C-alpha atoms as a PDB file:
ATOM      1  CA  MET A   1     -15.971   1.277  58.032  1.00  0.00           C
ATOM      2  CA  PRO A   2     -18.963  -0.454  56.405  1.00  0.00           C
ATOM      3  CA  THR A   3     -19.200   2.686  54.178  1.00  0.00           C
ATOM      4  CA  LYS A   4     -15.635   2.363  53.016  1.00  0.00           C
ATOM      5  CA  THR A   5     -16.009  -1.508  52.582  1.00  0.00           C
ATOM      6  CA  LYS A   6     -19.073  -0.996  50.561  1.00  0.00           C
ATOM      7  CA  LYS A   7     -17.315   1.717  48.502  1.00  0.00           C
ATOM      8  CA  SER A   8     -14.469  -0.487  47.922  1.00  0.00           C
ATOM      9  CA  ALA A   9     -16.835  -3.325  46.764  1.00  0.00           C
ATOM     10  CA  VAL A  10     -18.567  -1.262  44.311  1.00  0.00           C
ATOM     11  CA  ILE A  11     -15.487  -0.075  42.869  1.00  0.00           C
ATOM     12  CA  GLU A  12     -14.281  -3.504  42.475  1.00  0.00           C
ATOM     13  CA  GLU A  13     -17.347  -4.706  41.008  1.00  0.00           C
ATOM     14  CA  THR A  14     -17.320  -1.646  38.271  1.00  0.00           C
ATOM     15  CA  LEU A  15     -13.836  -2.449  37.591  1.00  0.00           C
ATOM     16  CA  ASN A  16     -14.236  -6.016  37.040  1.00  0.00           C
ATOM     17  CA  THR A  17     -17.198  -5.419  34.708  1.00  0.00           C
ATOM     18  CA  ALA A  18     -15.370  -2.822  32.944  1.00  0.00           C
ATOM     19  CA  ASN A  19     -12.182  -5.308  32.187  1.00  0.00           C
ATOM     20  CA  GLN A  20     -14.755  -7.656  31.083  1.00  0.00           C
ATOM     21  CA  LEU A  21     -15.990  -5.367  28.457  1.00  0.00           C
ATOM     22  CA  LYS A  22     -12.587  -4.443  27.454  1.00  0.00           C
ATOM     23  CA  GLU A  23     -11.622  -7.997  26.840  1.00  0.00           C
ATOM     24  CA  GLU A  24     -14.738  -8.414  24.683  1.00  0.00           C
ATOM     25  CA  GLY A  25     -13.772  -5.064  22.808  1.00  0.00           C
ATOM     26  CA  ASN A  26     -16.552  -3.260  24.018  1.00  0.00           C
ATOM     27  CA  PHE A  27     -14.375  -0.218  24.567  1.00  0.00           C
ATOM     28  CA  ASP A  28     -17.350   2.548  24.314  1.00  0.00           C
ATOM     29  CA  GLU A  29     -18.835   0.771  27.037  1.00  0.00           C
ATOM     30  CA  ALA A  30     -16.096  -0.092  29.274  1.00  0.00           C
ATOM     31  CA  LEU A  31     -14.599   3.643  29.294  1.00  0.00           C
ATOM     32  CA  PRO A  32     -17.367   5.267  31.242  1.00  0.00           C
ATOM     33  CA  LEU A  33     -17.061   2.431  33.898  1.00  0.00           C
ATOM     34  CA  TYR A  34     -13.230   3.006  34.324  1.00  0.00           C
ATOM     35  CA  GLU A  35     -14.115   6.627  34.227  1.00  0.00           C
ATOM     36  CA  GLN A  36     -16.791   5.959  37.200  1.00  0.00           C
ATOM     37  CA  VAL A  37     -13.950   3.885  39.281  1.00  0.00           C
ATOM     38  CA  LEU A  38     -11.522   7.021  38.762  1.00  0.00           C
ATOM     39  CA  LYS A  39     -14.267   9.615  40.212  1.00  0.00           C
ATOM     40  CA  SER A  40     -14.337   7.540  43.353  1.00  0.00           C
ATOM     41  CA  SER A  41     -10.589   6.316  43.222  1.00  0.00           C
ATOM     42  CA  PRO A  42      -8.594   8.908  41.167  1.00  0.00           C
ATOM     43  CA  ASN A  43      -5.110   6.943  41.719  1.00  0.00           C
ATOM     44  CA  ASN A  44      -6.661   3.507  40.858  1.00  0.00           C
ATOM     45  CA  VAL A  45      -3.636   2.342  38.470  1.00  0.00           C
ATOM     46  CA  SER A  46      -5.517  -0.690  37.112  1.00  0.00           C
ATOM     47  CA  ALA A  47      -8.282   1.668  35.571  1.00  0.00           C
ATOM     48  CA  LEU A  48      -5.730   4.146  34.642  1.00  0.00           C
ATOM     49  CA  ARG A  49      -3.509   1.513  32.944  1.00  0.00           C
ATOM     50  CA  LYS A  50      -6.632  -0.202  31.012  1.00  0.00           C
ATOM     51  CA  MET A  51      -7.646   3.389  30.022  1.00  0.00           C
ATOM     52  CA  ALA A  52      -4.238   3.936  28.618  1.00  0.00           C
ATOM     53  CA  GLY A  53      -4.437   0.474  26.630  1.00  0.00           C
ATOM     54  CA  ILE A  54      -7.796   1.433  25.077  1.00  0.00           C
ATOM     55  CA  TYR A  55      -6.539   4.552  23.790  1.00  0.00           C
ATOM     56  CA  GLU A  56      -3.337   2.953  22.627  1.00  0.00           C
ATOM     57  CA  ASP A  57      -5.615   0.267  20.724  1.00  0.00           C
ATOM     58  CA  ARG A  58      -7.550   3.037  19.285  1.00  0.00           C
ATOM     59  CA  GLU A  59      -4.205   4.804  18.376  1.00  0.00           C
ATOM     60  CA  ASP A  60      -4.930   7.874  20.142  1.00  0.00           C
ATOM     61  CA  TRP A  61      -1.561   8.566  21.345  1.00  0.00           C
ATOM     62  CA  GLY A  62      -2.007  11.904  23.018  1.00  0.00           C
ATOM     63  CA  GLN A  63      -4.801  10.339  25.398  1.00  0.00           C
ATOM     64  CA  ALA A  64      -3.002   7.287  25.871  1.00  0.00           C
ATOM     65  CA  ALA A  65       0.046   8.911  26.944  1.00  0.00           C
ATOM     66  CA  GLN A  66      -1.832  11.256  29.379  1.00  0.00           C
ATOM     67  CA  PHE A  67      -3.065   7.925  30.984  1.00  0.00           C
ATOM     68  CA  TYR A  68       0.398   6.433  31.082  1.00  0.00           C
ATOM     69  CA  GLN A  69       1.720   9.764  33.010  1.00  0.00           C
ATOM     70  CA  LYS A  70      -1.234   9.554  35.271  1.00  0.00           C
ATOM     71  CA  VAL A  71      -0.045   5.709  36.104  1.00  0.00           C
ATOM     72  CA  ILE A  72       3.331   7.152  36.778  1.00  0.00           C
ATOM     73  CA  ALA A  73       2.313  10.089  39.175  1.00  0.00           C
ATOM     74  CA  ALA A  74       0.154   7.342  41.186  1.00  0.00           C
ATOM     75  CA  ARG A  75       3.101   4.711  40.990  1.00  0.00           C
ATOM     76  CA  PRO A  76       6.666   6.403  40.028  1.00  0.00           C
ATOM     77  CA  ASP A  77       8.170   2.841  40.010  1.00  0.00           C
ATOM     78  CA  ASN A  78       5.908   1.025  37.339  1.00  0.00           C
ATOM     79  CA  ALA A  79       8.355   0.536  34.489  1.00  0.00           C
ATOM     80  CA  SER A  80       5.632  -0.684  32.345  1.00  0.00           C
ATOM     81  CA  ALA A  81       3.979   2.506  32.364  1.00  0.00           C
ATOM     82  CA  TYR A  82       7.269   4.071  31.216  1.00  0.00           C
ATOM     83  CA  LEU A  83       7.384   1.634  28.387  1.00  0.00           C
ATOM     84  CA  GLY A  84       3.833   2.638  27.390  1.00  0.00           C
ATOM     85  CA  LEU A  85       4.756   6.084  27.719  1.00  0.00           C
ATOM     86  CA  ALA A  86       7.618   5.670  25.640  1.00  0.00           C
ATOM     87  CA  LYS A  87       5.948   4.224  22.798  1.00  0.00           C
ATOM     88  CA  THR A  88       3.091   6.708  22.655  1.00  0.00           C
ATOM     89  CA  LEU A  89       5.661   9.666  22.540  1.00  0.00           C
ATOM     90  CA  LYS A  90       7.363   7.815  19.916  1.00  0.00           C
ATOM     91  CA  GLN A  91       4.125   7.807  17.842  1.00  0.00           C
ATOM     92  CA  GLN A  92       3.591  11.418  18.450  1.00  0.00           C
ATOM     93  CA  GLY A  93       7.197  12.257  17.170  1.00  0.00           C
ATOM     94  CA  ASP A  94       8.343  13.252  20.642  1.00  0.00           C
ATOM     95  CA  VAL A  95      11.929  11.209  20.307  1.00  0.00           C
ATOM     96  CA  HIS A  96      13.504  12.788  23.111  1.00  0.00           C
ATOM     97  CA  GLY A  97      10.514  12.144  25.468  1.00  0.00           C
ATOM     98  CA  SER A  98      10.559   8.504  24.150  1.00  0.00           C
ATOM     99  CA  ILE A  99      14.173   8.017  24.762  1.00  0.00           C
ATOM    100  CA  ALA A 100      13.914   9.317  28.331  1.00  0.00           C
ATOM    101  CA  ALA A 101      10.712   6.953  29.077  1.00  0.00           C
ATOM    102  CA  TYR A 102      12.703   3.956  27.812  1.00  0.00           C
ATOM    103  CA  GLN A 103      15.754   4.872  29.953  1.00  0.00           C
ATOM    104  CA  LYS A 104      13.550   5.423  32.943  1.00  0.00           C
ATOM    105  CA  ALA A 105      12.049   2.077  32.433  1.00  0.00           C
ATOM    106  CA  ILE A 106      15.275   0.392  32.319  1.00  0.00           C
ATOM    107  CA  ALA A 107      16.636   1.982  35.087  1.00  0.00           C
ATOM    108  CA  LEU A 108      13.633   0.771  37.221  1.00  0.00           C
ATOM    109  CA  LYS A 109      13.924  -2.902  35.509  1.00  0.00           C
ATOM    110  CA  PRO A 110      17.035  -3.745  33.621  1.00  0.00           C
ATOM    111  CA  GLU A 111      15.891  -6.990  32.554  1.00  0.00           C
ATOM    112  CA  GLN A 112      13.668  -5.877  29.804  1.00  0.00           C
ATOM    113  CA  PRO A 113      13.086  -7.742  26.668  1.00  0.00           C
ATOM    114  CA  PHE A 114      15.263  -7.301  23.677  1.00  0.00           C
ATOM    115  CA  ARG A 115      12.559  -5.606  21.855  1.00  0.00           C
ATOM    116  CA  VAL A 116      12.724  -2.501  24.426  1.00  0.00           C
ATOM    117  CA  TYR A 117      16.717  -2.276  24.060  1.00  0.00           C
ATOM    118  CA  LEU A 118      16.241  -2.305  20.111  1.00  0.00           C
ATOM    119  CA  ASP A 119      13.582   0.436  20.225  1.00  0.00           C
ATOM    120  CA  LEU A 120      15.915   2.455  22.487  1.00  0.00           C
ATOM    121  CA  ALA A 121      19.290   1.769  20.629  1.00  0.00           C
ATOM    122  CA  LYS A 122      17.627   2.851  17.237  1.00  0.00           C
ATOM    123  CA  ALA A 123      15.941   6.066  18.836  1.00  0.00           C
ATOM    124  CA  LEU A 124      19.287   7.101  20.375  1.00  0.00           C
ATOM    125  CA  SER A 125      21.238   6.095  16.806  1.00  0.00           C
ATOM    126  CA  GLU A 126      18.724   8.527  15.011  1.00  0.00           C
ATOM    127  CA  GLN A 127      19.408  11.117  17.465  1.00  0.00           C
ATOM    128  CA  ASP A 128      23.204  10.836  17.262  1.00  0.00           C
ATOM    129  CA  GLN A 129      23.560   9.534  20.561  1.00  0.00           C
ATOM    130  CA  THR A 130      26.115   7.222  19.716  1.00  0.00           C
ATOM    131  CA  ASP A 131      27.590   6.625  23.092  1.00  0.00           C
ATOM    132  CA  ALA A 132      24.463   5.853  24.577  1.00  0.00           C
ATOM    133  CA  ALA A 133      23.308   3.907  21.390  1.00  0.00           C
ATOM    134  CA  ILE A 134      26.447   1.665  21.641  1.00  0.00           C
ATOM    135  CA  ASP A 135      25.467   0.846  25.342  1.00  0.00           C
ATOM    136  CA  ALA A 136      22.092  -0.135  24.207  1.00  0.00           C
ATOM    137  CA  TYR A 137      23.456  -2.493  21.644  1.00  0.00           C
ATOM    138  CA  ARG A 138      25.826  -4.119  23.586  1.00  0.00           C
ATOM    139  CA  LYS A 139      22.780  -5.103  25.881  1.00  0.00           C
ATOM    140  CA  LEU A 140      20.779  -5.915  22.615  1.00  0.00           C
ATOM    141  CA  VAL A 141      23.522  -8.338  21.440  1.00  0.00           C
ATOM    142  CA  GLU A 142      23.893  -9.917  24.752  1.00  0.00           C
ATOM    143  CA  LEU A 143      20.085 -10.573  24.844  1.00  0.00           C
ATOM    144  CA  LYS A 144      19.892 -11.698  21.322  1.00  0.00           C
ATOM    145  CA  PRO A 145      23.097 -12.245  19.623  1.00  0.00           C
ATOM    146  CA  SER A 146      22.536 -11.643  15.782  1.00  0.00           C
ATOM    147  CA  ALA A 147      24.492 -10.824  12.747  1.00  0.00           C
ATOM    148  CA  LYS A 148      22.179  -7.922  12.195  1.00  0.00           C
ATOM    149  CA  PHE A 149      22.741  -6.289  15.820  1.00  0.00           C
ATOM    150  CA  GLU A 150      26.428  -7.083  15.612  1.00  0.00           C
ATOM    151  CA  THR A 151      26.784  -5.398  12.346  1.00  0.00           C
ATOM    152  CA  GLN A 152      24.822  -2.172  13.731  1.00  0.00           C
ATOM    153  CA  LEU A 153      26.824  -2.126  16.952  1.00  0.00           C
ATOM    154  CA  GLY A 154      30.086  -2.484  14.546  1.00  0.00           C
ATOM    155  CA  ASP A 155      28.893   0.578  12.662  1.00  0.00           C
ATOM    156  CA  LEU A 156      28.703   2.547  15.496  1.00  0.00           C
ATOM    157  CA  LEU A 157      31.775   1.351  17.079  1.00  0.00           C
ATOM    158  CA  GLN A 158      33.306   2.543  13.641  1.00  0.00           C
ATOM    159  CA  LYS A 159      31.893   5.838  13.934  1.00  0.00           C
ATOM    160  CA  GLN A 160      33.122   6.404  17.468  1.00  0.00           C
ATOM    161  CA  GLY A 161      36.566   5.566  16.022  1.00  0.00           C
ATOM    162  CA  ASN A 162      37.033   2.299  17.780  1.00  0.00           C
ATOM    163  CA  LEU A 163      38.059   0.022  14.869  1.00  0.00           C
ATOM    164  CA  ASP A 164      39.276  -2.822  16.814  1.00  0.00           C
ATOM    165  CA  GLU A 165      36.108  -3.316  18.483  1.00  0.00           C
ATOM    166  CA  ALA A 166      34.058  -2.747  15.277  1.00  0.00           C
ATOM    167  CA  ALA A 167      36.120  -5.184  13.413  1.00  0.00           C
ATOM    168  CA  ALA A 168      35.311  -7.847  16.631  1.00  0.00           C
ATOM    169  CA  CYS A 169      31.643  -7.222  15.913  1.00  0.00           C
ATOM    170  CA  TYR A 170      31.880  -7.530  12.397  1.00  0.00           C
ATOM    171  CA  SER A 171      33.809 -10.984  12.687  1.00  0.00           C
ATOM    172  CA  ARG A 172      31.264 -12.156  15.005  1.00  0.00           C
ATOM    173  CA  ALA A 173      28.399 -11.189  12.672  1.00  0.00           C
ATOM    174  CA  LEU A 174      30.276 -13.142   9.967  1.00  0.00           C
ATOM    175  CA  ALA A 175      30.656 -16.333  12.095  1.00  0.00           C
ATOM    176  CA  ILE A 176      26.893 -16.282  12.795  1.00  0.00           C
ATOM    177  CA  GLN A 177      25.823 -15.678   9.418  1.00  0.00           C
ATOM    178  CA  GLN A 178      28.313 -18.428   8.173  1.00  0.00           C
ATOM    179  CA  GLU A 179      26.421 -20.596  10.549  1.00  0.00           C
ATOM    180  CA  ALA A 180      23.119 -19.571   9.509  1.00  0.00           C
ATOM    181  CA  LYS A 181      23.299 -18.950   5.716  1.00  0.00           C
ATOM    182  CA  PRO A 182      26.771 -19.071   4.209  1.00  0.00           C
ATOM    183  CA  GLU A 183      25.602 -17.741   0.684  1.00  0.00           C
ATOM    184  CA  ALA A 184      24.816 -14.615   2.528  1.00  0.00           C
ATOM    185  CA  THR A 185      28.209 -13.553   4.238  1.00  0.00           C
ATOM    186  CA  SER A 186      29.746 -11.349   1.328  1.00  0.00           C
ATOM    187  CA  LYS A 187      28.542  -7.950   3.170  1.00  0.00           C
ATOM    188  CA  TYR A 188      30.297  -8.747   6.038  1.00  0.00           C
ATOM    189  CA  HIS A 189      33.689  -9.754   4.329  1.00  0.00           C
ATOM    190  CA  VAL A 190      33.433  -6.287   2.872  1.00  0.00           C
ATOM    191  CA  LYS A 191      32.938  -4.498   6.202  1.00  0.00           C
ATOM    192  CA  LEU A 192      35.816  -6.449   7.747  1.00  0.00           C
ATOM    193  CA  GLY A 193      37.763  -5.552   4.576  1.00  0.00           C
ATOM    194  CA  ALA A 194      36.959  -1.768   4.758  1.00  0.00           C
ATOM    195  CA  ILE A 195      38.039  -1.726   8.619  1.00  0.00           C
ATOM    196  CA  HIS A 196      41.285  -3.537   7.695  1.00  0.00           C
ATOM    197  CA  LEU A 197      41.874  -0.727   5.231  1.00  0.00           C
ATOM    198  CA  LYS A 198      41.354   1.897   7.725  1.00  0.00           C
ATOM    199  CA  GLN A 199      43.669   0.130  10.302  1.00  0.00           C
ATOM    200  CA  ASP A 200      46.313  -0.366   7.419  1.00  0.00           C
ATOM    201  CA  ARG A 201      46.158  -3.978   7.472  1.00  0.00           C
ATOM    202  CA  ILE A 202      46.163  -4.378   3.707  1.00  0.00           C
ATOM    203  CA  ASP A 203      46.819  -8.024   3.344  1.00  0.00           C
ATOM    204  CA  GLU A 204      44.006  -8.813   5.522  1.00  0.00           C
ATOM    205  CA  ALA A 205      41.737  -6.506   3.695  1.00  0.00           C
ATOM    206  CA  ILE A 206      42.789  -8.019   0.424  1.00  0.00           C
ATOM    207  CA  ALA A 207      41.826 -11.221   1.741  1.00  0.00           C
ATOM    208  CA  SER A 208      38.556 -10.134   3.062  1.00  0.00           C
ATOM    209  CA  TYR A 209      37.459  -8.508  -0.239  1.00  0.00           C
ATOM    210  CA  ARG A 210      38.595 -11.735  -2.005  1.00  0.00           C
ATOM    211  CA  GLN A 211      36.748 -13.858   0.291  1.00  0.00           C
ATOM    212  CA  ALA A 212      33.491 -11.736  -0.521  1.00  0.00           C
ATOM    213  CA  LEU A 213      33.885 -12.009  -4.388  1.00  0.00           C
ATOM    214  CA  THR A 214      34.165 -15.935  -3.509  1.00  0.00           C
ATOM    215  CA  VAL A 215      30.721 -15.806  -2.109  1.00  0.00           C
ATOM    216  CA  LYS A 216      29.177 -13.124  -4.571  1.00  0.00           C
ATOM    217  CA  PRO A 217      31.359 -12.757  -7.761  1.00  0.00           C
ATOM    218  CA  ASP A 218      29.336  -9.620  -8.758  1.00  0.00           C
ATOM    219  CA  LEU A 219      29.767  -7.355  -5.891  1.00  0.00           C
ATOM    220  CA  VAL A 220      30.690  -4.197  -6.794  1.00  0.00           C
ATOM    221  CA  SER A 221      31.782  -2.735  -3.393  1.00  0.00           C
ATOM    222  CA  ALA A 222      33.931  -5.736  -3.132  1.00  0.00           C
ATOM    223  CA  TYR A 223      35.860  -4.986  -6.414  1.00  0.00           C
ATOM    224  CA  LYS A 224      35.917  -1.253  -5.230  1.00  0.00           C
ATOM    225  CA  GLY A 225      37.542  -2.064  -2.074  1.00  0.00           C
ATOM    226  CA  LEU A 226      39.705  -4.379  -3.432  1.00  0.00           C
ATOM    227  CA  GLY A 227      41.018  -1.993  -5.815  1.00  0.00           C
ATOM    228  CA  ASP A 228      41.790   0.634  -2.932  1.00  0.00           C
ATOM    229  CA  ALA A 229      43.887  -1.915  -1.304  1.00  0.00           C
ATOM    230  CA  PHE A 230      45.801  -2.833  -4.333  1.00  0.00           C
ATOM    231  CA  GLN A 231      46.359   1.064  -4.675  1.00  0.00           C
ATOM    232  CA  LYS A 232      47.717   1.229  -1.134  1.00  0.00           C
ATOM    233  CA  LYS A 233      50.027  -1.254  -2.048  1.00  0.00           C
ATOM    234  CA  ALA A 234      50.941  -0.009  -5.001  1.00  0.00           C
ATOM    235  CA  LEU A 235      49.764  -2.511  -7.261  1.00  0.00           C
ATOM    236  CA  TYR A 236      48.369  -0.166  -9.624  1.00  0.00           C
ATOM    237  CA  ASP A 237      47.525  -1.995 -12.632  1.00  0.00           C
ATOM    238  CA  ASP A 238      45.596  -4.554 -10.281  1.00  0.00           C
ATOM    239  CA  ALA A 239      43.940  -1.661  -8.947  1.00  0.00           C
ATOM    240  CA  ILE A 240      42.776  -0.626 -12.312  1.00  0.00           C
ATOM    241  CA  GLY A 241      41.624  -4.032 -13.365  1.00  0.00           C
ATOM    242  CA  CYS A 242      39.447  -4.258 -10.214  1.00  0.00           C
ATOM    243  CA  TYR A 243      37.983  -0.645 -10.754  1.00  0.00           C
ATOM    244  CA  GLN A 244      37.245  -1.480 -14.137  1.00  0.00           C
ATOM    245  CA  LYS A 245      35.424  -4.572 -13.269  1.00  0.00           C
ATOM    246  CA  ALA A 246      33.156  -2.659 -10.762  1.00  0.00           C
ATOM    247  CA  ASN A 247      32.586  -0.506 -13.708  1.00  0.00           C
ATOM    248  CA  GLU A 248      31.380  -3.135 -15.944  1.00  0.00           C
ATOM    249  CA  LEU A 249      29.182  -4.228 -13.146  1.00  0.00           C
ATOM    250  CA  LYS A 250      27.686  -0.980 -12.619  1.00  0.00           C
ATOM    251  CA  PRO A 251      28.571   1.053 -15.820  1.00  0.00           C
ATOM    252  CA  ASP A 252      29.277   4.783 -16.042  1.00  0.00           C
ATOM    253  CA  SER A 253      30.037   4.964 -12.378  1.00  0.00           C
ATOM    254  CA  ALA A 254      31.680   8.420 -11.780  1.00  0.00           C
ATOM    255  CA  ALA A 255      33.458   6.999  -8.588  1.00  0.00           C
ATOM    256  CA  MET A 256      35.159   4.404 -10.479  1.00  0.00           C
ATOM    257  CA  TYR A 257      36.201   6.844 -13.263  1.00  0.00           C
ATOM    258  CA  ARG A 258      37.662   9.031 -10.631  1.00  0.00           C
ATOM    259  CA  SER A 259      39.450   6.044  -8.777  1.00  0.00           C
ATOM    260  CA  ILE A 260      40.716   4.931 -12.085  1.00  0.00           C
ATOM    261  CA  GLY A 261      42.123   8.567 -12.901  1.00  0.00           C
ATOM    262  CA  ASP A 262      43.727   8.885  -9.525  1.00  0.00           C
ATOM    263  CA  VAL A 263      45.888   5.512 -10.068  1.00  0.00           C
ATOM    264  CA  MET A 264      46.622   6.495 -13.673  1.00  0.00           C
ATOM    265  CA  LEU A 265      47.993   9.848 -12.350  1.00  0.00           C
ATOM    266  CA  ARG A 266      50.190   8.081  -9.848  1.00  0.00           C
ATOM    267  CA  GLN A 267      51.316   6.017 -12.634  1.00  0.00           C
ATOM    268  CA  GLY A 268      52.507   9.127 -14.763  1.00  0.00           C
ATOM    269  CA  ARG A 269      49.451   8.627 -17.312  1.00  0.00           C
ATOM    270  CA  GLU A 270      48.340  12.148 -17.108  1.00  0.00           C
ATOM    271  CA  ALA A 271      46.367  12.220 -20.372  1.00  0.00           C
ATOM    272  CA  GLU A 272      44.435   9.057 -19.858  1.00  0.00           C
ATOM    273  CA  ALA A 273      43.664  10.176 -16.493  1.00  0.00           C
ATOM    274  CA  LEU A 274      42.150  13.242 -17.407  1.00  0.00           C
ATOM    275  CA  ASP A 275      40.008  11.293 -19.816  1.00  0.00           C
ATOM    276  CA  TYR A 276      38.491   9.545 -17.036  1.00  0.00           C
ATOM    277  CA  TYR A 277      37.906  12.447 -15.098  1.00  0.00           C
ATOM    278  CA  ARG A 278      36.192  13.998 -17.874  1.00  0.00           C
ATOM    279  CA  ARG A 279      33.940  10.736 -17.747  1.00  0.00           C
ATOM    280  CA  ALA A 280      33.270  11.155 -14.480  1.00  0.00           C
ATOM    281  CA  LEU A 281      32.095  14.628 -14.909  1.00  0.00           C
ATOM    282  CA  ALA A 282      30.029  13.699 -17.750  1.00  0.00           C
END
């Protein structure tokens, strides 16, 4: 028993010295001491965690990942180790491994900082794991409501085909931005306009696009959307006027030339439509 007590005391003293050196930034001196601790106590989570941190600070992601994995082997319920592993795997380009580590950390401890959910949501989106990304963004907007996150959630919901909920996200984003910075709300009106168009709520789409132009009179996307809405209502001259205005703001746009040509075809103006199609191809 005295031998064990003495051994524990030596380990504790060595660990404390290593920790002090690490705090002072003396990594080269701290590492051998941590290794010394691990020779006597291979599953010493504190030493393993500190070594992972040193390699992470040095951006030696492979070594850092190895030590986080050792922490997890010794303490499988250590959520913070999974977060460290997620970061180091991400830095090595192992996106799938990083996602799995984030998800394990959250499963162990759901009340994570919003940054964890943001990193996970981004990674899932990049991998086209839309359903899982939506779940992550839902938690994200719950933890930190913002126009940006509501918009990103709305974009994913729209991709999924859930237009009503996407519109609700864009409306919340607009309300948040309206309170914070009213002069920067035009893109949210455009997103709502586009959703309303897809829902065949044409009058609401027109209202949204007009509101966007009230905020930002030179917004090409708003004129394009408004033109599309007028075209759906068979207000062809109004549609052409919007497309032409968009083309003035962004000259020689092939998309605008094609849109004008499409409307003219509907009006029976074949020769003029053909001229605009030629311009689109030029």
